[in-house]
Amino acid sequence: MSDGRSRNMRANRRTDTKPEVALRQALHRMGYRYRKDLRFEACGVKVRPDVVFTARKVAVFVDGCFWHVCPEHGRQPTRNEWYWTPKLRRNVERDRAADAALAEAGWRVVRVWEHVEPSAAVAAVVAVLEGASEHVSDNIASRRRRRDRRSE
């Protein structure tokens, strides 16, 4: 592998990016428990969300602006377009296929861009989680009360 592209690609993380870690830490502090980077099949399509709430059937993806062609920050490559343009198009197509397969399997999908503030990303995930089960907020409130009693 003598070309610079493969060496540079190795520097890009698939998991544990800063926005993803910030989101997971905030959700964990709030008392939510989840699976990280869980690979599974939904309606014949293999998916690997960044954060998965299996019992609530909520899949969360933290998408990088370049890799997933963010309408706000994504940019068209100026070098090696012959390589990057189809690759980025396939990423977007794969995202849409995963969303459709998860929805068909009864999952709720949350996609968050990497540039979104962590508090806004957490709010988006919590909104879906709260809507996914009528008892979620009661469970979280009771966990917080137990935690507060232990700290007294």
N, C-alpha and C. Protein backbone atom coordinates (compact mmCIF):
# COMPACT_ATOMS: atom_id res chain seq x y z
N MET A 1 0.83 -1.18 0.00
CA MET A 1 0.00 0.00 0.00
C MET A 1 0.87 1.24 0.00
N SER A 2 1.28 1.61 -1.15
CA SER A 2 2.21 2.72 -1.23
C SER A 2 1.55 4.06 -1.47
N ASP A 3 0.27 4.06 -1.84
CA ASP A 3 -0.35 5.36 -2.10
C ASP A 3 -0.79 6.03 -0.80
N GLY A 4 -0.82 7.33 -0.81
CA GLY A 4 -1.17 8.10 0.38
C GLY A 4 -2.61 7.92 0.83
N ARG A 5 -3.49 7.55 -0.13
CA ARG A 5 -4.90 7.41 0.19
C ARG A 5 -5.13 6.34 1.26
N SER A 6 -4.55 5.16 1.10
CA SER A 6 -4.79 4.10 2.07
C SER A 6 -4.18 4.44 3.42
N ARG A 7 -3.04 5.11 3.43
CA ARG A 7 -2.43 5.52 4.68
C ARG A 7 -3.32 6.55 5.39
N ASN A 8 -3.89 7.49 4.64
CA ASN A 8 -4.76 8.50 5.22
C ASN A 8 -6.08 7.90 5.68
N MET A 9 -6.58 6.92 4.95
CA MET A 9 -7.87 6.32 5.31
C MET A 9 -7.76 5.60 6.66
N ARG A 10 -6.60 5.04 6.96
CA ARG A 10 -6.44 4.35 8.24
C ARG A 10 -6.55 5.31 9.42
N ALA A 11 -6.32 6.58 9.19
CA ALA A 11 -6.39 7.56 10.27
C ALA A 11 -7.83 7.92 10.61
N ASN A 12 -8.78 7.58 9.74
CA ASN A 12 -10.19 7.87 9.99
C ASN A 12 -10.81 6.77 10.81
N ARG A 13 -11.41 7.15 11.91
CA ARG A 13 -12.00 6.17 12.82
C ARG A 13 -13.40 5.79 12.37
N ARG A 14 -13.73 4.50 12.53
CA ARG A 14 -15.08 4.04 12.24
C ARG A 14 -15.93 4.17 13.50
N THR A 15 -15.32 3.97 14.65
CA THR A 15 -16.04 4.09 15.91
C THR A 15 -15.29 5.03 16.85
N ASP A 16 -15.97 5.38 17.93
CA ASP A 16 -15.38 6.22 18.98
C ASP A 16 -14.87 7.57 18.49
N THR A 17 -15.61 8.18 17.57
CA THR A 17 -15.26 9.53 17.16
C THR A 17 -15.64 10.48 18.30
N LYS A 18 -15.09 11.67 18.30
CA LYS A 18 -15.37 12.61 19.39
C LYS A 18 -16.87 12.90 19.54
N PRO A 19 -17.59 13.19 18.45
CA PRO A 19 -19.04 13.46 18.61
C PRO A 19 -19.79 12.24 19.14
N GLU A 20 -19.41 11.06 18.70
CA GLU A 20 -20.07 9.83 19.16
C GLU A 20 -19.81 9.58 20.65
N VAL A 21 -18.58 9.75 21.07
CA VAL A 21 -18.23 9.54 22.48
C VAL A 21 -18.94 10.56 23.36
N ALA A 22 -19.00 11.81 22.91
CA ALA A 22 -19.69 12.86 23.69
C ALA A 22 -21.17 12.52 23.85
N LEU A 23 -21.79 12.05 22.78
CA LEU A 23 -23.21 11.67 22.83
C LEU A 23 -23.41 10.50 23.79
N ARG A 24 -22.58 9.47 23.67
CA ARG A 24 -22.72 8.30 24.54
C ARG A 24 -22.51 8.66 26.01
N GLN A 25 -21.51 9.46 26.29
CA GLN A 25 -21.25 9.85 27.68
C GLN A 25 -22.43 10.61 28.27
N ALA A 26 -22.99 11.53 27.50
CA ALA A 26 -24.12 12.31 27.99
C ALA A 26 -25.33 11.41 28.24
N LEU A 27 -25.61 10.49 27.32
CA LEU A 27 -26.73 9.56 27.49
C LEU A 27 -26.51 8.67 28.72
N HIS A 28 -25.29 8.22 28.91
CA HIS A 28 -24.98 7.36 30.06
C HIS A 28 -25.17 8.12 31.37
N ARG A 29 -24.71 9.37 31.41
CA ARG A 29 -24.89 10.19 32.62
C ARG A 29 -26.37 10.39 32.95
N MET A 30 -27.20 10.40 31.92
CA MET A 30 -28.64 10.59 32.13
C MET A 30 -29.32 9.29 32.56
N GLY A 31 -28.58 8.21 32.60
CA GLY A 31 -29.14 6.94 33.05
C GLY A 31 -29.55 6.00 31.94
N TYR A 32 -29.31 6.36 30.70
CA TYR A 32 -29.66 5.47 29.59
C TYR A 32 -28.56 4.43 29.42
N ARG A 33 -28.97 3.20 29.12
CA ARG A 33 -28.03 2.13 28.85
C ARG A 33 -28.27 1.64 27.43
N TYR A 34 -27.21 1.32 26.73
CA TYR A 34 -27.27 1.05 25.32
C TYR A 34 -26.18 0.06 24.93
N ARG A 35 -26.23 -0.40 23.71
CA ARG A 35 -25.16 -1.21 23.12
C ARG A 35 -24.41 -0.31 22.16
N LYS A 36 -23.13 -0.50 22.07
CA LYS A 36 -22.28 0.32 21.22
C LYS A 36 -21.83 -0.49 20.01
N ASP A 37 -22.01 0.08 18.81
CA ASP A 37 -21.48 -0.52 17.59
C ASP A 37 -21.95 -1.97 17.41
N LEU A 38 -23.21 -2.21 17.65
CA LEU A 38 -23.78 -3.56 17.54
C LEU A 38 -24.15 -3.84 16.10
N ARG A 39 -23.63 -4.93 15.57
CA ARG A 39 -23.96 -5.31 14.19
C ARG A 39 -25.09 -6.33 14.23
N PHE A 40 -26.13 -6.07 13.42
CA PHE A 40 -27.23 -7.02 13.32
C PHE A 40 -27.89 -6.87 11.97
N GLU A 41 -28.83 -7.75 11.69
CA GLU A 41 -29.51 -7.74 10.40
C GLU A 41 -30.96 -7.30 10.59
N ALA A 42 -31.39 -6.39 9.75
CA ALA A 42 -32.78 -5.92 9.77
C ALA A 42 -33.35 -6.07 8.37
N CYS A 43 -34.32 -6.94 8.24
CA CYS A 43 -34.98 -7.19 6.94
C CYS A 43 -33.96 -7.49 5.84
N GLY A 44 -32.98 -8.31 6.16
CA GLY A 44 -32.00 -8.73 5.17
C GLY A 44 -30.86 -7.76 4.93
N VAL A 45 -30.83 -6.64 5.62
CA VAL A 45 -29.77 -5.65 5.46
C VAL A 45 -28.93 -5.62 6.73
N LYS A 46 -27.61 -5.77 6.57
CA LYS A 46 -26.72 -5.70 7.73
C LYS A 46 -26.52 -4.23 8.11
N VAL A 47 -26.75 -3.94 9.37
CA VAL A 47 -26.60 -2.57 9.86
C VAL A 47 -25.68 -2.57 11.07
N ARG A 48 -25.06 -1.43 11.32
CA ARG A 48 -24.17 -1.29 12.46
C ARG A 48 -24.30 0.13 13.01
N PRO A 49 -25.39 0.41 13.77
CA PRO A 49 -25.56 1.74 14.34
C PRO A 49 -24.47 2.03 15.38
N ASP A 50 -24.22 3.30 15.61
CA ASP A 50 -23.22 3.69 16.61
C ASP A 50 -23.71 3.43 18.02
N VAL A 51 -24.99 3.68 18.26
CA VAL A 51 -25.61 3.46 19.58
C VAL A 51 -26.92 2.74 19.34
N VAL A 52 -27.16 1.66 20.11
CA VAL A 52 -28.37 0.86 19.90
C VAL A 52 -29.07 0.65 21.24
N PHE A 53 -30.34 0.98 21.27
CA PHE A 53 -31.20 0.70 22.42
C PHE A 53 -32.06 -0.48 22.00
N THR A 54 -31.60 -1.69 22.32
CA THR A 54 -32.23 -2.90 21.79
C THR A 54 -33.66 -3.07 22.27
N ALA A 55 -33.92 -2.88 23.55
CA ALA A 55 -35.27 -3.10 24.08
C ALA A 55 -36.26 -2.09 23.50
N ARG A 56 -35.81 -0.88 23.25
CA ARG A 56 -36.70 0.16 22.71
C ARG A 56 -36.68 0.21 21.19
N LYS A 57 -35.81 -0.59 20.58
CA LYS A 57 -35.66 -0.63 19.13
C LYS A 57 -35.39 0.76 18.55
N VAL A 58 -34.34 1.40 19.09
CA VAL A 58 -33.91 2.71 18.60
C VAL A 58 -32.45 2.57 18.18
N ALA A 59 -32.16 2.96 16.95
CA ALA A 59 -30.80 2.92 16.40
C ALA A 59 -30.34 4.35 16.15
N VAL A 60 -29.15 4.67 16.65
CA VAL A 60 -28.62 6.03 16.52
C VAL A 60 -27.33 5.99 15.70
N PHE A 61 -27.26 6.84 14.70
CA PHE A 61 -26.08 6.97 13.86
C PHE A 61 -25.54 8.39 14.03
N VAL A 62 -24.23 8.52 14.24
CA VAL A 62 -23.58 9.83 14.26
C VAL A 62 -22.79 9.90 12.95
N ASP A 63 -23.30 10.68 12.01
CA ASP A 63 -22.74 10.73 10.67
C ASP A 63 -21.72 11.85 10.52
N GLY A 64 -20.58 11.51 9.92
CA GLY A 64 -19.55 12.49 9.63
C GLY A 64 -19.96 13.33 8.43
N CYS A 65 -19.68 14.61 8.48
CA CYS A 65 -20.11 15.53 7.42
C CYS A 65 -19.52 15.16 6.06
N PHE A 66 -18.26 14.81 6.01
CA PHE A 66 -17.65 14.46 4.72
C PHE A 66 -18.15 13.11 4.24
N TRP A 67 -18.08 12.10 5.09
CA TRP A 67 -18.36 10.72 4.69
C TRP A 67 -19.82 10.48 4.32
N HIS A 68 -20.73 11.26 4.87
CA HIS A 68 -22.15 11.04 4.62
C HIS A 68 -22.78 12.21 3.87
N VAL A 69 -21.96 13.09 3.33
CA VAL A 69 -22.36 14.20 2.45
C VAL A 69 -23.39 15.11 3.14
N CYS A 70 -22.95 15.74 4.20
CA CYS A 70 -23.79 16.70 4.93
C CYS A 70 -24.18 17.84 3.98
N PRO A 71 -25.48 18.19 3.94
CA PRO A 71 -25.89 19.30 3.06
C PRO A 71 -25.32 20.63 3.50
N GLU A 72 -24.94 20.74 4.76
CA GLU A 72 -24.42 22.00 5.27
C GLU A 72 -22.89 22.08 5.16
N HIS A 73 -22.18 21.00 5.50
CA HIS A 73 -20.72 21.03 5.54
C HIS A 73 -20.04 20.08 4.56
N GLY A 74 -20.81 19.19 3.95
CA GLY A 74 -20.21 18.24 3.01
C GLY A 74 -19.66 19.00 1.82
N ARG A 75 -18.60 18.48 1.26
CA ARG A 75 -18.01 19.14 0.09
C ARG A 75 -17.64 18.08 -0.94
N GLN A 76 -17.66 18.49 -2.17
CA GLN A 76 -17.26 17.59 -3.23
C GLN A 76 -15.74 17.53 -3.27
N PRO A 77 -15.20 16.35 -3.37
CA PRO A 77 -13.74 16.24 -3.44
C PRO A 77 -13.19 16.92 -4.69
N THR A 78 -12.04 17.54 -4.56
CA THR A 78 -11.43 18.20 -5.71
C THR A 78 -10.31 17.35 -6.30
N ARG A 79 -9.84 16.38 -5.56
CA ARG A 79 -8.82 15.45 -6.05
C ARG A 79 -9.41 14.05 -6.07
N ASN A 80 -9.01 13.30 -7.05
CA ASN A 80 -9.44 11.91 -7.21
C ASN A 80 -10.96 11.77 -7.16
N GLU A 81 -11.65 12.67 -7.87
CA GLU A 81 -13.12 12.61 -7.88
C GLU A 81 -13.61 11.26 -8.37
N TRP A 82 -12.87 10.66 -9.30
CA TRP A 82 -13.24 9.36 -9.85
C TRP A 82 -13.37 8.31 -8.75
N TYR A 83 -12.64 8.48 -7.67
CA TYR A 83 -12.69 7.53 -6.54
C TYR A 83 -13.71 7.98 -5.49
N TRP A 84 -13.62 9.25 -5.10
CA TRP A 84 -14.41 9.73 -3.97
C TRP A 84 -15.88 9.92 -4.26
N THR A 85 -16.24 10.43 -5.41
CA THR A 85 -17.64 10.69 -5.72
C THR A 85 -18.49 9.43 -5.66
N PRO A 86 -18.10 8.34 -6.34
CA PRO A 86 -18.91 7.12 -6.21
C PRO A 86 -18.91 6.55 -4.79
N LYS A 87 -17.78 6.67 -4.11
CA LYS A 87 -17.69 6.14 -2.74
C LYS A 87 -18.66 6.88 -1.82
N LEU A 88 -18.68 8.19 -1.90
CA LEU A 88 -19.59 8.97 -1.05
C LEU A 88 -21.04 8.71 -1.44
N ARG A 89 -21.32 8.55 -2.72
CA ARG A 89 -22.68 8.24 -3.17
C ARG A 89 -23.12 6.89 -2.59
N ARG A 90 -22.22 5.90 -2.60
CA ARG A 90 -22.55 4.59 -2.02
C ARG A 90 -22.82 4.70 -0.52
N ASN A 91 -22.07 5.55 0.17
CA ASN A 91 -22.31 5.75 1.61
C ASN A 91 -23.73 6.25 1.85
N VAL A 92 -24.14 7.24 1.07
CA VAL A 92 -25.48 7.81 1.22
C VAL A 92 -26.55 6.76 0.88
N GLU A 93 -26.32 6.01 -0.19
CA GLU A 93 -27.27 4.96 -0.57
C GLU A 93 -27.38 3.89 0.52
N ARG A 94 -26.25 3.52 1.10
CA ARG A 94 -26.24 2.54 2.18
C ARG A 94 -26.98 3.08 3.40
N ASP A 95 -26.82 4.36 3.70
CA ASP A 95 -27.55 4.98 4.82
C ASP A 95 -29.05 4.88 4.59
N ARG A 96 -29.50 5.22 3.37
CA ARG A 96 -30.93 5.17 3.07
C ARG A 96 -31.46 3.74 3.15
N ALA A 97 -30.68 2.77 2.64
CA ALA A 97 -31.10 1.36 2.70
C ALA A 97 -31.20 0.89 4.15
N ALA A 98 -30.25 1.29 4.98
CA ALA A 98 -30.28 0.91 6.40
C ALA A 98 -31.48 1.53 7.09
N ASP A 99 -31.75 2.80 6.82
CA ASP A 99 -32.92 3.47 7.41
C ASP A 99 -34.21 2.76 7.04
N ALA A 100 -34.35 2.42 5.75
CA ALA A 100 -35.57 1.76 5.28
C ALA A 100 -35.72 0.38 5.90
N ALA A 101 -34.63 -0.39 5.96
CA ALA A 101 -34.68 -1.73 6.53
C ALA A 101 -35.02 -1.68 8.02
N LEU A 102 -34.42 -0.75 8.74
CA LEU A 102 -34.70 -0.63 10.17
C LEU A 102 -36.15 -0.22 10.40
N ALA A 103 -36.63 0.73 9.62
CA ALA A 103 -38.02 1.17 9.76
C ALA A 103 -38.98 0.02 9.46
N GLU A 104 -38.68 -0.74 8.43
CA GLU A 104 -39.52 -1.88 8.08
C GLU A 104 -39.53 -2.94 9.20
N ALA A 105 -38.41 -3.06 9.91
CA ALA A 105 -38.30 -4.03 11.00
C ALA A 105 -38.87 -3.47 12.31
N GLY A 106 -39.42 -2.25 12.28
CA GLY A 106 -40.04 -1.68 13.47
C GLY A 106 -39.11 -0.87 14.35
N TRP A 107 -37.96 -0.49 13.83
CA TRP A 107 -36.99 0.31 14.59
C TRP A 107 -37.22 1.79 14.30
N ARG A 108 -36.85 2.61 15.27
CA ARG A 108 -36.80 4.05 15.07
C ARG A 108 -35.34 4.42 14.85
N VAL A 109 -35.10 5.29 13.88
CA VAL A 109 -33.74 5.66 13.51
C VAL A 109 -33.52 7.13 13.82
N VAL A 110 -32.39 7.42 14.47
CA VAL A 110 -31.99 8.80 14.73
C VAL A 110 -30.64 8.99 14.05
N ARG A 111 -30.56 9.98 13.17
CA ARG A 111 -29.29 10.32 12.53
C ARG A 111 -28.90 11.71 12.99
N VAL A 112 -27.69 11.82 13.47
CA VAL A 112 -27.17 13.08 14.00
C VAL A 112 -25.89 13.41 13.24
N TRP A 113 -25.79 14.64 12.73
CA TRP A 113 -24.56 15.06 12.07
C TRP A 113 -23.49 15.34 13.11
N GLU A 114 -22.24 15.12 12.76
CA GLU A 114 -21.13 15.33 13.69
C GLU A 114 -21.02 16.79 14.14
N HIS A 115 -21.52 17.73 13.33
CA HIS A 115 -21.37 19.15 13.69
C HIS A 115 -22.45 19.62 14.67
N VAL A 116 -23.44 18.80 14.94
CA VAL A 116 -24.52 19.19 15.86
C VAL A 116 -23.97 19.23 17.28
N GLU A 117 -24.34 20.27 18.01
CA GLU A 117 -23.90 20.40 19.40
C GLU A 117 -24.33 19.16 20.19
N PRO A 118 -23.49 18.68 21.10
CA PRO A 118 -23.84 17.48 21.87
C PRO A 118 -25.18 17.59 22.59
N SER A 119 -25.50 18.76 23.14
CA SER A 119 -26.77 18.90 23.85
C SER A 119 -27.96 18.73 22.90
N ALA A 120 -27.84 19.23 21.68
CA ALA A 120 -28.91 19.07 20.69
C ALA A 120 -29.02 17.62 20.23
N ALA A 121 -27.87 16.96 20.08
CA ALA A 121 -27.87 15.55 19.69
C ALA A 121 -28.53 14.70 20.77
N VAL A 122 -28.19 14.96 22.02
CA VAL A 122 -28.80 14.23 23.14
C VAL A 122 -30.30 14.48 23.17
N ALA A 123 -30.71 15.71 22.97
CA ALA A 123 -32.15 16.04 22.98
C ALA A 123 -32.89 15.29 21.88
N ALA A 124 -32.27 15.16 20.70
CA ALA A 124 -32.91 14.44 19.61
C ALA A 124 -33.08 12.96 19.95
N VAL A 125 -32.05 12.36 20.53
CA VAL A 125 -32.12 10.95 20.90
C VAL A 125 -33.13 10.74 22.01
N VAL A 126 -33.10 11.58 23.03
CA VAL A 126 -34.02 11.44 24.16
C VAL A 126 -35.46 11.62 23.70
N ALA A 127 -35.70 12.53 22.77
CA ALA A 127 -37.06 12.73 22.27
C ALA A 127 -37.60 11.45 21.64
N VAL A 128 -36.77 10.76 20.88
CA VAL A 128 -37.20 9.50 20.27
C VAL A 128 -37.36 8.42 21.34
N LEU A 129 -36.43 8.36 22.28
CA LEU A 129 -36.53 7.36 23.34
C LEU A 129 -37.77 7.58 24.19
N GLU A 130 -38.07 8.82 24.50
CA GLU A 130 -39.25 9.11 25.32
C GLU A 130 -40.52 8.75 24.57
N GLY A 131 -40.52 8.94 23.27
CA GLY A 131 -41.69 8.60 22.48
C GLY A 131 -41.79 7.11 22.19
N ALA A 132 -40.68 6.38 22.37
CA ALA A 132 -40.66 4.96 22.04
C ALA A 132 -41.38 4.12 23.08
N SER A 133 -41.47 4.61 24.30
CA SER A 133 -42.13 3.83 25.36
C SER A 133 -42.79 4.80 26.32
N GLU A 134 -43.99 4.47 26.71
CA GLU A 134 -44.70 5.39 27.60
C GLU A 134 -44.13 5.39 29.01
N HIS A 135 -43.29 4.40 29.34
CA HIS A 135 -42.78 4.28 30.70
C HIS A 135 -41.33 4.75 30.85
N VAL A 136 -40.71 5.18 29.79
CA VAL A 136 -39.30 5.55 29.85
C VAL A 136 -39.07 6.69 30.82
N SER A 137 -39.85 7.76 30.73
CA SER A 137 -39.62 8.92 31.60
C SER A 137 -39.83 8.55 33.06
N ASP A 138 -40.80 7.68 33.34
CA ASP A 138 -41.01 7.25 34.72
C ASP A 138 -39.80 6.48 35.23
N ASN A 139 -39.24 5.61 34.39
CA ASN A 139 -38.07 4.84 34.79
C ASN A 139 -36.88 5.73 35.04
N ILE A 140 -36.66 6.71 34.19
CA ILE A 140 -35.52 7.61 34.36
C ILE A 140 -35.70 8.47 35.60
N ALA A 141 -36.92 8.97 35.83
CA ALA A 141 -37.16 9.79 37.01
C ALA A 141 -36.92 8.97 38.28
N SER A 142 -37.36 7.71 38.28
CA SER A 142 -37.15 6.90 39.48
C SER A 142 -35.67 6.59 39.68
N ARG A 143 -34.92 6.38 38.57
CA ARG A 143 -33.47 6.17 38.70
C ARG A 143 -32.80 7.39 39.29
N ARG A 144 -33.21 8.57 38.83
CA ARG A 144 -32.61 9.81 39.34
C ARG A 144 -32.91 9.98 40.83
N ARG A 145 -34.15 9.66 41.23
CA ARG A 145 -34.50 9.78 42.65
C ARG A 145 -33.66 8.82 43.49
N ARG A 146 -33.48 7.58 43.02
CA ARG A 146 -32.65 6.61 43.76
C ARG A 146 -31.21 7.10 43.84
N ARG A 147 -30.68 7.64 42.73
CA ARG A 147 -29.33 8.13 42.72
C ARG A 147 -29.17 9.31 43.68
N ASP A 148 -30.16 10.23 43.68
CA ASP A 148 -30.11 11.39 44.56
C ASP A 148 -30.16 10.96 46.03
N ARG A 149 -30.97 9.94 46.35
CA ARG A 149 -31.05 9.44 47.73
C ARG A 149 -29.73 8.83 48.16
N ARG A 150 -29.07 8.11 47.24
CA ARG A 150 -27.78 7.50 47.59
C ARG A 150 -26.73 8.54 47.86
N SER A 151 -26.76 9.67 47.17
CA SER A 151 -25.73 10.70 47.33
C SER A 151 -25.96 11.57 48.56
N GLU A 152 -27.13 11.46 49.18
CA GLU A 152 -27.41 12.31 50.36
C GLU A 152 -26.71 11.78 51.59
